[in-house]
PDB file of all heavy atoms in Angstrom:
ATOM      1  N   TYR A   1      -1.047   7.531 -17.295  1.00  0.00           N
ATOM      2  CA  TYR A   1      -2.357   7.760 -16.730  1.00  0.00           C
ATOM      3  C   TYR A   1      -2.213   8.440 -15.370  1.00  0.00           C
ATOM      4  O   TYR A   1      -1.556   7.887 -14.488  1.00  0.00           O
ATOM      5  CB  TYR A   1      -3.145   6.472 -16.607  1.00  0.00           C
ATOM      6  CG  TYR A   1      -4.522   6.647 -15.993  1.00  0.00           C
ATOM      7  CD1 TYR A   1      -5.528   7.260 -16.753  1.00  0.00           C
ATOM      8  CD2 TYR A   1      -4.819   6.174 -14.745  1.00  0.00           C
ATOM      9  CE1 TYR A   1      -6.822   7.379 -16.200  1.00  0.00           C
ATOM     10  CE2 TYR A   1      -6.060   6.306 -14.185  1.00  0.00           C
ATOM     11  CZ  TYR A   1      -7.089   6.921 -14.906  1.00  0.00           C
ATOM     12  OH  TYR A   1      -8.340   7.051 -14.391  1.00  0.00           O
ATOM     13  N   LYS A   2      -2.844   9.589 -15.250  1.00  0.00           N
ATOM     14  CA  LYS A   2      -2.757  10.297 -13.967  1.00  0.00           C
ATOM     15  C   LYS A   2      -4.055  11.064 -13.747  1.00  0.00           C
ATOM     16  O   LYS A   2      -4.131  12.262 -13.997  1.00  0.00           O
ATOM     17  CB  LYS A   2      -1.560  11.251 -13.900  1.00  0.00           C
ATOM     18  CG  LYS A   2      -1.389  11.896 -12.512  1.00  0.00           C
ATOM     19  CD  LYS A   2      -0.175  12.798 -12.512  1.00  0.00           C
ATOM     20  CE  LYS A   2      -0.083  13.642 -11.216  1.00  0.00           C
ATOM     21  NZ  LYS A   2      -0.133  12.817 -10.027  1.00  0.00           N
ATOM     22  N   PRO A   3      -5.106  10.434 -13.249  1.00  0.00           N
ATOM     23  CA  PRO A   3      -6.336  11.120 -12.883  1.00  0.00           C
ATOM     24  C   PRO A   3      -6.117  11.965 -11.652  1.00  0.00           C
ATOM     25  O   PRO A   3      -5.069  11.880 -10.963  1.00  0.00           O
ATOM     26  CB  PRO A   3      -7.348   9.985 -12.638  1.00  0.00           C
ATOM     27  CG  PRO A   3      -6.476   8.844 -12.188  1.00  0.00           C
ATOM     28  CD  PRO A   3      -5.184   8.981 -12.978  1.00  0.00           C
ATOM     29  N   GLY A   4      -7.096  12.802 -11.349  1.00  0.00           N
ATOM     30  CA  GLY A   4      -6.949  13.705 -10.197  1.00  0.00           C
ATOM     31  C   GLY A   4      -6.819  12.964  -8.881  1.00  0.00           C
ATOM     32  O   GLY A   4      -5.997  13.327  -8.030  1.00  0.00           O
ATOM     33  N   ALA A   5      -7.696  11.989  -8.671  1.00  0.00           N
ATOM     34  CA  ALA A   5      -7.744  11.242  -7.404  1.00  0.00           C
ATOM     35  C   ALA A   5      -7.165   9.837  -7.591  1.00  0.00           C
ATOM     36  O   ALA A   5      -7.915   8.973  -8.002  1.00  0.00           O
ATOM     37  CB  ALA A   5      -9.133  11.232  -6.820  1.00  0.00           C
ATOM     38  N   VAL A   6      -5.926   9.671  -7.339  1.00  0.00           N
ATOM     39  CA  VAL A   6      -5.212   8.388  -7.559  1.00  0.00           C
ATOM     40  C   VAL A   6      -4.832   7.764  -6.242  1.00  0.00           C
ATOM     41  O   VAL A   6      -4.263   8.490  -5.352  1.00  0.00           O
ATOM     42  CB  VAL A   6      -3.966   8.601  -8.435  1.00  0.00           C
ATOM     43  CG1 VAL A   6      -3.201   7.255  -8.538  1.00  0.00           C
ATOM     44  CG2 VAL A   6      -4.379   9.075  -9.812  1.00  0.00           C
ATOM     45  N   CYS A   7      -5.141   6.542  -6.050  1.00  0.00           N
ATOM     46  CA  CYS A   7      -4.614   5.781  -4.931  1.00  0.00           C
ATOM     47  C   CYS A   7      -3.540   4.817  -5.464  1.00  0.00           C
ATOM     48  O   CYS A   7      -3.697   4.230  -6.555  1.00  0.00           O
ATOM     49  CB  CYS A   7      -5.687   4.974  -4.265  1.00  0.00           C
ATOM     50  SG  CYS A   7      -6.847   5.956  -3.231  1.00  0.00           S
ATOM     51  N   MET A   8      -2.480   4.671  -4.710  1.00  0.00           N
ATOM     52  CA  MET A   8      -1.448   3.734  -5.071  1.00  0.00           C
ATOM     53  C   MET A   8      -1.158   2.872  -3.856  1.00  0.00           C
ATOM     54  O   MET A   8      -1.395   3.270  -2.694  1.00  0.00           O
ATOM     55  CB  MET A   8      -0.168   4.507  -5.485  1.00  0.00           C
ATOM     56  CG  MET A   8      -0.357   5.413  -6.667  1.00  0.00           C
ATOM     57  SD  MET A   8       1.133   6.182  -7.323  1.00  0.00           S
ATOM     58  CE  MET A   8       1.897   4.771  -8.175  1.00  0.00           C
ATOM     59  N   ALA A   9      -0.625   1.691  -4.143  1.00  0.00           N
ATOM     60  CA  ALA A   9      -0.456   0.742  -3.051  1.00  0.00           C
ATOM     61  C   ALA A   9       0.648  -0.247  -3.428  1.00  0.00           C
ATOM     62  O   ALA A   9       1.050  -0.408  -4.550  1.00  0.00           O
ATOM     63  CB  ALA A   9      -1.762  -0.095  -2.828  1.00  0.00           C
ATOM     64  N   TRP A  10       1.162  -0.879  -2.359  1.00  0.00           N
ATOM     65  CA  TRP A  10       2.093  -1.948  -2.467  1.00  0.00           C
ATOM     66  C   TRP A  10       1.458  -3.236  -2.013  1.00  0.00           C
ATOM     67  O   TRP A  10       0.814  -3.278  -0.952  1.00  0.00           O
ATOM     68  CB  TRP A  10       3.364  -1.738  -1.618  1.00  0.00           C
ATOM     69  CG  TRP A  10       4.273  -0.641  -2.174  1.00  0.00           C
ATOM     70  CD1 TRP A  10       4.315   0.655  -1.755  1.00  0.00           C
ATOM     71  CD2 TRP A  10       5.215  -0.789  -3.207  1.00  0.00           C
ATOM     72  NE1 TRP A  10       5.290   1.327  -2.464  1.00  0.00           N
ATOM     73  CE2 TRP A  10       5.828   0.478  -3.343  1.00  0.00           C
ATOM     74  CE3 TRP A  10       5.632  -1.863  -3.996  1.00  0.00           C
ATOM     75  CZ2 TRP A  10       6.818   0.692  -4.295  1.00  0.00           C
ATOM     76  CZ3 TRP A  10       6.625  -1.631  -4.913  1.00  0.00           C
ATOM     77  CH2 TRP A  10       7.227  -0.370  -5.074  1.00  0.00           C
ATOM     78  N   PHE A  11       1.590  -4.271  -2.832  1.00  0.00           N
ATOM     79  CA  PHE A  11       1.152  -5.635  -2.489  1.00  0.00           C
ATOM     80  C   PHE A  11       2.350  -6.520  -2.478  1.00  0.00           C
ATOM     81  O   PHE A  11       3.387  -6.200  -3.076  1.00  0.00           O
ATOM     82  CB  PHE A  11       0.082  -6.111  -3.482  1.00  0.00           C
ATOM     83  CG  PHE A  11      -1.246  -5.432  -3.344  1.00  0.00           C
ATOM     84  CD1 PHE A  11      -1.428  -4.136  -3.805  1.00  0.00           C
ATOM     85  CD2 PHE A  11      -2.317  -6.102  -2.743  1.00  0.00           C
ATOM     86  CE1 PHE A  11      -2.678  -3.528  -3.673  1.00  0.00           C
ATOM     87  CE2 PHE A  11      -3.554  -5.521  -2.619  1.00  0.00           C
ATOM     88  CZ  PHE A  11      -3.721  -4.221  -3.067  1.00  0.00           C
ATOM     89  N   ARG A  12       2.200  -7.711  -1.903  1.00  0.00           N
ATOM     90  CA  ARG A  12       3.251  -8.681  -1.966  1.00  0.00           C
ATOM     91  C   ARG A  12       2.688 -10.091  -2.039  1.00  0.00           C
ATOM     92  O   ARG A  12       1.537 -10.329  -1.582  1.00  0.00           O
ATOM     93  CB  ARG A  12       4.185  -8.583  -0.737  1.00  0.00           C
ATOM     94  CG  ARG A  12       3.546  -8.919   0.592  1.00  0.00           C
ATOM     95  CD  ARG A  12       4.526  -8.609   1.720  1.00  0.00           C
ATOM     96  NE  ARG A  12       3.992  -9.003   3.012  1.00  0.00           N
ATOM     97  CZ  ARG A  12       4.583  -8.726   4.153  1.00  0.00           C
ATOM     98  NH1 ARG A  12       5.762  -8.121   4.186  1.00  0.00           N
ATOM     99  NH2 ARG A  12       4.031  -9.106   5.322  1.00  0.00           N
ATOM    100  N   GLN A  13       3.465 -10.968  -2.651  1.00  0.00           N
ATOM    101  CA  GLN A  13       3.040 -12.347  -2.781  1.00  0.00           C
ATOM    102  C   GLN A  13       4.200 -13.237  -2.567  1.00  0.00           C
ATOM    103  O   GLN A  13       5.194 -13.185  -3.302  1.00  0.00           O
ATOM    104  CB  GLN A  13       2.408 -12.567  -4.187  1.00  0.00           C
ATOM    105  CG  GLN A  13       1.796 -13.910  -4.396  1.00  0.00           C
ATOM    106  CD  GLN A  13       0.958 -14.018  -5.608  1.00  0.00           C
ATOM    107  OE1 GLN A  13       1.134 -13.232  -6.541  1.00  0.00           O
ATOM    108  NE2 GLN A  13       0.028 -14.947  -5.630  1.00  0.00           N
ATOM    109  N   ALA A  14       4.088 -14.076  -1.540  1.00  0.00           N
ATOM    110  CA  ALA A  14       5.120 -15.089  -1.269  1.00  0.00           C
ATOM    111  C   ALA A  14       4.715 -16.382  -1.988  1.00  0.00           C
ATOM    112  O   ALA A  14       3.523 -16.597  -2.314  1.00  0.00           O
ATOM    113  CB  ALA A  14       5.167 -15.302   0.237  1.00  0.00           C
ATOM    114  N   PRO A  15       5.659 -17.259  -2.240  1.00  0.00           N
ATOM    115  CA  PRO A  15       5.371 -18.547  -2.913  1.00  0.00           C
ATOM    116  C   PRO A  15       4.244 -19.307  -2.213  1.00  0.00           C
ATOM    117  O   PRO A  15       4.301 -19.514  -0.998  1.00  0.00           O
ATOM    118  CB  PRO A  15       6.697 -19.269  -2.904  1.00  0.00           C
ATOM    119  CG  PRO A  15       7.703 -18.199  -2.781  1.00  0.00           C
ATOM    120  CD  PRO A  15       7.137 -17.129  -1.940  1.00  0.00           C
ATOM    121  N   GLY A  16       3.276 -19.752  -2.976  1.00  0.00           N
ATOM    122  CA  GLY A  16       2.180 -20.522  -2.429  1.00  0.00           C
ATOM    123  C   GLY A  16       1.121 -19.759  -1.637  1.00  0.00           C
ATOM    124  O   GLY A  16       0.202 -20.357  -1.090  1.00  0.00           O
ATOM    125  N   LYS A  17       1.265 -18.438  -1.627  1.00  0.00           N
ATOM    126  CA  LYS A  17       0.324 -17.604  -0.850  1.00  0.00           C
ATOM    127  C   LYS A  17      -0.410 -16.620  -1.766  1.00  0.00           C
ATOM    128  O   LYS A  17       0.005 -16.392  -2.909  1.00  0.00           O
ATOM    129  CB  LYS A  17       1.052 -16.837   0.227  1.00  0.00           C
ATOM    130  CG  LYS A  17       1.673 -17.710   1.304  1.00  0.00           C
ATOM    131  CD  LYS A  17       2.287 -16.869   2.440  1.00  0.00           C
ATOM    132  CE  LYS A  17       2.822 -17.714   3.547  1.00  0.00           C
ATOM    133  NZ  LYS A  17       3.380 -16.898   4.655  1.00  0.00           N
ATOM    134  N   GLU A  18      -1.488 -16.102  -1.242  1.00  0.00           N
ATOM    135  CA  GLU A  18      -2.267 -15.120  -2.000  1.00  0.00           C
ATOM    136  C   GLU A  18      -1.529 -13.765  -1.940  1.00  0.00           C
ATOM    137  O   GLU A  18      -0.766 -13.513  -1.019  1.00  0.00           O
ATOM    138  CB  GLU A  18      -3.638 -14.981  -1.380  1.00  0.00           C
ATOM    139  CG  GLU A  18      -4.468 -16.231  -1.384  1.00  0.00           C
ATOM    140  CD  GLU A  18      -4.951 -16.633  -2.720  1.00  0.00           C
ATOM    141  OE1 GLU A  18      -5.082 -15.724  -3.630  1.00  0.00           O
ATOM    142  OE2 GLU A  18      -5.236 -17.819  -2.925  1.00  0.00           O
ATOM    143  N   ARG A  19      -1.814 -13.008  -2.949  1.00  0.00           N
ATOM    144  CA  ARG A  19      -1.280 -11.656  -2.958  1.00  0.00           C
ATOM    145  C   ARG A  19      -2.003 -10.774  -1.921  1.00  0.00           C
ATOM    146  O   ARG A  19      -3.247 -10.790  -1.879  1.00  0.00           O
ATOM    147  CB  ARG A  19      -1.421 -10.997  -4.355  1.00  0.00           C
ATOM    148  CG  ARG A  19      -0.651  -9.699  -4.534  1.00  0.00           C
ATOM    149  CD  ARG A  19      -0.685  -9.205  -5.994  1.00  0.00           C
ATOM    150  NE  ARG A  19      -0.097 -10.209  -6.886  1.00  0.00           N
ATOM    151  CZ  ARG A  19       0.114  -9.962  -8.190  1.00  0.00           C
ATOM    152  NH1 ARG A  19      -0.231  -8.852  -8.747  1.00  0.00           N
ATOM    153  NH2 ARG A  19       0.633 -10.941  -8.917  1.00  0.00           N
ATOM    154  N   GLU A  20      -1.270 -10.112  -1.088  1.00  0.00           N
ATOM    155  CA  GLU A  20      -1.840  -9.330  -0.003  1.00  0.00           C
ATOM    156  C   GLU A  20      -1.425  -7.894  -0.022  1.00  0.00           C
ATOM    157  O   GLU A  20      -0.333  -7.540  -0.454  1.00  0.00           O
ATOM    158  CB  GLU A  20      -1.433  -9.953   1.349  1.00  0.00           C
ATOM    159  CG  GLU A  20       0.044  -9.954   1.634  1.00  0.00           C
ATOM    160  CD  GLU A  20       0.402 -10.425   3.022  1.00  0.00           C
ATOM    161  OE1 GLU A  20      -0.492 -10.677   3.870  1.00  0.00           O
ATOM    162  OE2 GLU A  20       1.634 -10.588   3.268  1.00  0.00           O
ATOM    163  N   GLY A  21      -2.320  -7.045   0.423  1.00  0.00           N
ATOM    164  CA  GLY A  21      -1.969  -5.663   0.487  1.00  0.00           C
ATOM    165  C   GLY A  21      -1.053  -5.343   1.647  1.00  0.00           C
ATOM    166  O   GLY A  21      -1.213  -5.846   2.727  1.00  0.00           O
ATOM    167  N   VAL A  22      -0.076  -4.507   1.374  1.00  0.00           N
ATOM    168  CA  VAL A  22       0.928  -4.103   2.352  1.00  0.00           C
ATOM    169  C   VAL A  22       0.688  -2.688   2.856  1.00  0.00           C
ATOM    170  O   VAL A  22       0.649  -2.435   4.049  1.00  0.00           O
ATOM    171  CB  VAL A  22       2.340  -4.259   1.777  1.00  0.00           C
ATOM    172  CG1 VAL A  22       3.376  -3.736   2.766  1.00  0.00           C
ATOM    173  CG2 VAL A  22       2.592  -5.727   1.413  1.00  0.00           C
ATOM    174  N   ALA A  23       0.579  -1.790   1.914  1.00  0.00           N
ATOM    175  CA  ALA A  23       0.407  -0.372   2.293  1.00  0.00           C
ATOM    176  C   ALA A  23      -0.220   0.371   1.162  1.00  0.00           C
ATOM    177  O   ALA A  23      -0.010   0.027  -0.017  1.00  0.00           O
ATOM    178  CB  ALA A  23       1.740   0.274   2.632  1.00  0.00           C
ATOM    179  N   ALA A  24      -1.071   1.336   1.451  1.00  0.00           N
ATOM    180  CA  ALA A  24      -1.728   2.130   0.398  1.00  0.00           C
ATOM    181  C   ALA A  24      -1.723   3.569   0.782  1.00  0.00           C
ATOM    182  O   ALA A  24      -1.660   3.938   1.944  1.00  0.00           O
ATOM    183  CB  ALA A  24      -3.193   1.653   0.231  1.00  0.00           C
ATOM    184  N   ILE A  25      -1.827   4.443  -0.229  1.00  0.00           N
ATOM    185  CA  ILE A  25      -1.800   5.868   0.008  1.00  0.00           C
ATOM    186  C   ILE A  25      -2.672   6.588  -1.030  1.00  0.00           C
ATOM    187  O   ILE A  25      -2.692   6.176  -2.199  1.00  0.00           O
ATOM    188  CB  ILE A  25      -0.323   6.404  -0.027  1.00  0.00           C
ATOM    189  CG1 ILE A  25      -0.268   7.881   0.346  1.00  0.00           C
ATOM    190  CG2 ILE A  25       0.311   6.146  -1.376  1.00  0.00           C
ATOM    191  CD1 ILE A  25       1.180   8.361   0.650  1.00  0.00           C
ATOM    192  N   ASN A  26      -3.410   7.562  -0.594  1.00  0.00           N
ATOM    193  CA  ASN A  26      -4.218   8.336  -1.560  1.00  0.00           C
ATOM    194  C   ASN A  26      -3.524   9.685  -1.916  1.00  0.00           C
ATOM    195  O   ASN A  26      -2.420   9.947  -1.454  1.00  0.00           O
ATOM    196  CB  ASN A  26      -5.673   8.540  -1.017  1.00  0.00           C
ATOM    197  CG  ASN A  26      -5.728   9.421   0.207  1.00  0.00           C
ATOM    198  OD1 ASN A  26      -4.760  10.106   0.596  1.00  0.00           O
ATOM    199  ND2 ASN A  26      -6.866   9.452   0.841  1.00  0.00           N
ATOM    200  N   ARG A  27      -4.201  10.478  -2.721  1.00  0.00           N
ATOM    201  CA  ARG A  27      -3.596  11.680  -3.208  1.00  0.00           C
ATOM    202  C   ARG A  27      -3.255  12.653  -2.091  1.00  0.00           C
ATOM    203  O   ARG A  27      -2.278  13.393  -2.158  1.00  0.00           O
ATOM    204  CB  ARG A  27      -4.516  12.372  -4.224  1.00  0.00           C
ATOM    205  CG  ARG A  27      -3.981  13.652  -4.739  1.00  0.00           C
ATOM    206  CD  ARG A  27      -4.870  14.247  -5.794  1.00  0.00           C
ATOM    207  NE  ARG A  27      -4.405  15.591  -6.226  1.00  0.00           N
ATOM    208  CZ  ARG A  27      -3.463  15.816  -7.080  1.00  0.00           C
ATOM    209  NH1 ARG A  27      -2.803  14.804  -7.605  1.00  0.00           N
ATOM    210  NH2 ARG A  27      -3.109  17.070  -7.364  1.00  0.00           N
ATOM    211  N   ASN A  28      -4.034  12.645  -1.021  1.00  0.00           N
ATOM    212  CA  ASN A  28      -3.832  13.542   0.099  1.00  0.00           C
ATOM    213  C   ASN A  28      -2.748  13.081   1.049  1.00  0.00           C
ATOM    214  O   ASN A  28      -2.438  13.795   2.005  1.00  0.00           O
ATOM    215  CB  ASN A  28      -5.135  13.728   0.895  1.00  0.00           C
ATOM    216  CG  ASN A  28      -6.176  14.438   0.049  1.00  0.00           C
ATOM    217  OD1 ASN A  28      -5.877  15.339  -0.754  1.00  0.00           O
ATOM    218  ND2 ASN A  28      -7.448  14.104   0.286  1.00  0.00           N
ATOM    219  N   GLY A  29      -2.220  11.869   0.840  1.00  0.00           N
ATOM    220  CA  GLY A  29      -1.221  11.364   1.718  1.00  0.00           C
ATOM    221  C   GLY A  29      -1.714  10.519   2.844  1.00  0.00           C
ATOM    222  O   GLY A  29      -0.927  10.094   3.729  1.00  0.00           O
ATOM    223  N   ASN A  30      -3.002  10.247   2.874  1.00  0.00           N
ATOM    224  CA  ASN A  30      -3.563   9.356   3.896  1.00  0.00           C
ATOM    225  C   ASN A  30      -3.096   7.904   3.580  1.00  0.00           C
ATOM    226  O   ASN A  30      -3.154   7.491   2.456  1.00  0.00           O
ATOM    227  CB  ASN A  30      -5.096   9.420   3.919  1.00  0.00           C
ATOM    228  CG  ASN A  30      -5.620  10.803   4.274  1.00  0.00           C
ATOM    229  OD1 ASN A  30      -6.466  11.331   3.555  1.00  0.00           O
ATOM    230  ND2 ASN A  30      -5.150  11.368   5.371  1.00  0.00           N
ATOM    231  N   THR A  31      -2.740   7.187   4.608  1.00  0.00           N
ATOM    232  CA  THR A  31      -2.152   5.881   4.434  1.00  0.00           C
ATOM    233  C   THR A  31      -2.952   4.826   5.136  1.00  0.00           C
ATOM    234  O   THR A  31      -3.716   5.065   6.079  1.00  0.00           O
ATOM    235  CB  THR A  31      -0.707   5.839   4.902  1.00  0.00           C
ATOM    236  OG1 THR A  31      -0.655   6.192   6.330  1.00  0.00           O
ATOM    237  CG2 THR A  31       0.172   6.835   4.128  1.00  0.00           C
ATOM    238  N   ASN A  32      -2.738   3.605   4.707  1.00  0.00           N
ATOM    239  CA  ASN A  32      -3.331   2.406   5.303  1.00  0.00           C
ATOM    240  C   ASN A  32      -2.309   1.317   5.247  1.00  0.00           C
ATOM    241  O   ASN A  32      -1.729   1.047   4.156  1.00  0.00           O
ATOM    242  CB  ASN A  32      -4.604   2.024   4.567  1.00  0.00           C
ATOM    243  CG  ASN A  32      -5.379   0.917   5.228  1.00  0.00           C
ATOM    244  OD1 ASN A  32      -5.143   0.650   6.424  1.00  0.00           O
ATOM    245  ND2 ASN A  32      -6.316   0.342   4.501  1.00  0.00           N
ATOM    246  N   TYR A  33      -2.038   0.638   6.347  1.00  0.00           N
ATOM    247  CA  TYR A  33      -0.998  -0.385   6.439  1.00  0.00           C
ATOM    248  C   TYR A  33      -1.598  -1.685   6.947  1.00  0.00           C
ATOM    249  O   TYR A  33      -2.502  -1.716   7.797  1.00  0.00           O
ATOM    250  CB  TYR A  33       0.094   0.016   7.418  1.00  0.00           C
ATOM    251  CG  TYR A  33       0.930   1.215   6.929  1.00  0.00           C
ATOM    252  CD1 TYR A  33       0.600   2.503   7.392  1.00  0.00           C
ATOM    253  CD2 TYR A  33       2.034   1.026   6.133  1.00  0.00           C
ATOM    254  CE1 TYR A  33       1.361   3.542   6.999  1.00  0.00           C
ATOM    255  CE2 TYR A  33       2.796   2.077   5.711  1.00  0.00           C
ATOM    256  CZ  TYR A  33       2.450   3.369   6.156  1.00  0.00           C
ATOM    257  OH  TYR A  33       3.238   4.440   5.764  1.00  0.00           O
ATOM    258  N   ALA A  34      -1.072  -2.766   6.416  1.00  0.00           N
ATOM    259  CA  ALA A  34      -1.390  -4.057   6.948  1.00  0.00           C
ATOM    260  C   ALA A  34      -0.807  -4.129   8.373  1.00  0.00           C
ATOM    261  O   ALA A  34       0.254  -3.557   8.650  1.00  0.00           O
ATOM    262  CB  ALA A  34      -0.799  -5.190   6.100  1.00  0.00           C
ATOM    263  N   ASP A  35      -1.508  -4.827   9.271  1.00  0.00           N
ATOM    264  CA  ASP A  35      -1.052  -4.913  10.653  1.00  0.00           C
ATOM    265  C   ASP A  35       0.354  -5.503  10.753  1.00  0.00           C
ATOM    266  O   ASP A  35       1.150  -5.125  11.627  1.00  0.00           O
ATOM    267  CB  ASP A  35      -2.002  -5.800  11.442  1.00  0.00           C
ATOM    268  CG  ASP A  35      -3.311  -5.119  11.762  1.00  0.00           C
ATOM    269  OD1 ASP A  35      -3.399  -3.853  11.621  1.00  0.00           O
ATOM    270  OD2 ASP A  35      -4.272  -5.772  12.081  1.00  0.00           O
ATOM    271  N   SER A  36       0.711  -6.399   9.854  1.00  0.00           N
ATOM    272  CA  SER A  36       1.975  -7.072   9.906  1.00  0.00           C
ATOM    273  C   SER A  36       3.163  -6.127   9.620  1.00  0.00           C
ATOM    274  O   SER A  36       4.296  -6.471   9.959  1.00  0.00           O
ATOM    275  CB  SER A  36       2.022  -8.188   8.902  1.00  0.00           C
ATOM    276  OG  SER A  36       1.810  -7.761   7.600  1.00  0.00           O
ATOM    277  N   VAL A  37       2.927  -4.961   9.032  1.00  0.00           N
ATOM    278  CA  VAL A  37       4.052  -4.081   8.693  1.00  0.00           C
ATOM    279  C   VAL A  37       3.962  -2.729   9.383  1.00  0.00           C
ATOM    280  O   VAL A  37       4.873  -1.881   9.195  1.00  0.00           O
ATOM    281  CB  VAL A  37       4.101  -3.877   7.150  1.00  0.00           C
ATOM    282  CG1 VAL A  37       4.179  -5.139   6.435  1.00  0.00           C
ATOM    283  CG2 VAL A  37       2.924  -3.016   6.674  1.00  0.00           C
ATOM    284  N   LYS A  38       2.939  -2.488  10.170  1.00  0.00           N
ATOM    285  CA  LYS A  38       2.789  -1.189  10.859  1.00  0.00           C
ATOM    286  C   LYS A  38       4.005  -0.955  11.783  1.00  0.00           C
ATOM    287  O   LYS A  38       4.449  -1.836  12.488  1.00  0.00           O
ATOM    288  CB  LYS A  38       1.525  -1.218  11.700  1.00  0.00           C
ATOM    289  CG  LYS A  38       0.256  -1.008  10.897  1.00  0.00           C
ATOM    290  CD  LYS A  38      -0.982  -0.951  11.807  1.00  0.00           C
ATOM    291  CE  LYS A  38      -2.234  -0.757  10.989  1.00  0.00           C
ATOM    292  NZ  LYS A  38      -3.456  -0.765  11.803  1.00  0.00           N
ATOM    293  N   GLY A  39       4.518   0.239  11.677  1.00  0.00           N
ATOM    294  CA  GLY A  39       5.676   0.607  12.491  1.00  0.00           C
ATOM    295  C   GLY A  39       6.980   0.251  11.865  1.00  0.00           C
ATOM    296  O   GLY A  39       8.043   0.709  12.317  1.00  0.00           O
ATOM    297  N   ARG A  40       6.953  -0.524  10.815  1.00  0.00           N
ATOM    298  CA  ARG A  40       8.175  -0.946  10.110  1.00  0.00           C
ATOM    299  C   ARG A  40       8.290  -0.380   8.696  1.00  0.00           C
ATOM    300  O   ARG A  40       9.378  -0.111   8.195  1.00  0.00           O
ATOM    301  CB  ARG A  40       8.300  -2.453  10.086  1.00  0.00           C
ATOM    302  CG  ARG A  40       8.324  -3.116  11.435  1.00  0.00           C
ATOM    303  CD  ARG A  40       8.641  -4.600  11.315  1.00  0.00           C
ATOM    304  NE  ARG A  40       7.645  -5.321  10.565  1.00  0.00           N
ATOM    305  CZ  ARG A  40       7.879  -5.976   9.417  1.00  0.00           C
ATOM    306  NH1 ARG A  40       9.111  -6.008   8.921  1.00  0.00           N
ATOM    307  NH2 ARG A  40       6.889  -6.627   8.780  1.00  0.00           N
ATOM    308  N   PHE A  41       7.155  -0.316   8.008  1.00  0.00           N
ATOM    309  CA  PHE A  41       7.130   0.129   6.601  1.00  0.00           C
ATOM    310  C   PHE A  41       6.510   1.507   6.567  1.00  0.00           C
ATOM    311  O   PHE A  41       5.551   1.840   7.308  1.00  0.00           O
ATOM    312  CB  PHE A  41       6.318  -0.807   5.759  1.00  0.00           C
ATOM    313  CG  PHE A  41       6.929  -2.171   5.526  1.00  0.00           C
ATOM    314  CD1 PHE A  41       8.044  -2.593   6.203  1.00  0.00           C
ATOM    315  CD2 PHE A  41       6.340  -3.069   4.588  1.00  0.00           C
ATOM    316  CE1 PHE A  41       8.615  -3.859   5.984  1.00  0.00           C
ATOM    317  CE2 PHE A  41       6.898  -4.302   4.359  1.00  0.00           C
ATOM    318  CZ  PHE A  41       7.986  -4.706   5.053  1.00  0.00           C
ATOM    319  N   THR A  42       7.018   2.326   5.597  1.00  0.00           N
ATOM    320  CA  THR A  42       6.434   3.629   5.374  1.00  0.00           C
ATOM    321  C   THR A  42       6.205   3.831   3.880  1.00  0.00           C
ATOM    322  O   THR A  42       7.139   3.685   3.090  1.00  0.00           O
ATOM    323  CB  THR A  42       7.339   4.774   5.902  1.00  0.00           C
ATOM    324  OG1 THR A  42       7.569   4.608   7.295  1.00  0.00           O
ATOM    325  CG2 THR A  42       6.693   6.124   5.658  1.00  0.00           C
ATOM    326  N   ILE A  43       4.972   4.137   3.498  1.00  0.00           N
ATOM    327  CA  ILE A  43       4.632   4.416   2.125  1.00  0.00           C
ATOM    328  C   ILE A  43       4.593   5.922   1.899  1.00  0.00           C
ATOM    329  O   ILE A  43       4.095   6.633   2.760  1.00  0.00           O
ATOM    330  CB  ILE A  43       3.337   3.738   1.714  1.00  0.00           C
ATOM    331  CG1 ILE A  43       3.077   3.848   0.197  1.00  0.00           C
ATOM    332  CG2 ILE A  43       2.184   4.294   2.488  1.00  0.00           C
ATOM    333  CD1 ILE A  43       1.919   2.993  -0.305  1.00  0.00           C
ATOM    334  N   SER A  44       5.062   6.350   0.767  1.00  0.00           N
ATOM    335  CA  SER A  44       5.027   7.795   0.439  1.00  0.00           C
ATOM    336  C   SER A  44       4.896   7.956  -1.101  1.00  0.00           C
ATOM    337  O   SER A  44       5.145   6.980  -1.860  1.00  0.00           O
ATOM    338  CB  SER A  44       6.245   8.512   0.947  1.00  0.00           C
ATOM    339  OG  SER A  44       7.456   8.008   0.398  1.00  0.00           O
ATOM    340  N   ARG A  45       4.550   9.135  -1.546  1.00  0.00           N
ATOM    341  CA  ARG A  45       4.352   9.351  -2.940  1.00  0.00           C
ATOM    342  C   ARG A  45       4.744  10.783  -3.315  1.00  0.00           C
ATOM    343  O   ARG A  45       4.715  11.693  -2.494  1.00  0.00           O
ATOM    344  CB  ARG A  45       2.904   9.077  -3.344  1.00  0.00           C
ATOM    345  CG  ARG A  45       1.926  10.057  -2.763  1.00  0.00           C
ATOM    346  CD  ARG A  45       0.476   9.627  -3.063  1.00  0.00           C
ATOM    347  NE  ARG A  45       0.157   9.738  -4.467  1.00  0.00           N
ATOM    348  CZ  ARG A  45      -1.002   9.327  -4.994  1.00  0.00           C
ATOM    349  NH1 ARG A  45      -1.957   8.782  -4.217  1.00  0.00           N
ATOM    350  NH2 ARG A  45      -1.232   9.464  -6.309  1.00  0.00           N
TER     351      ARG A  45
END
């Protein structure tokens, strides 16, 4: 499946915790990061 406007993201889940968003990216390369990983993680596509 590959529509024209696709967003992709990384989530993570630690034991006993809720699944949380880590980083996301849209087709244009715009990104969004959780505060906890800003400056350390880089998402690309």
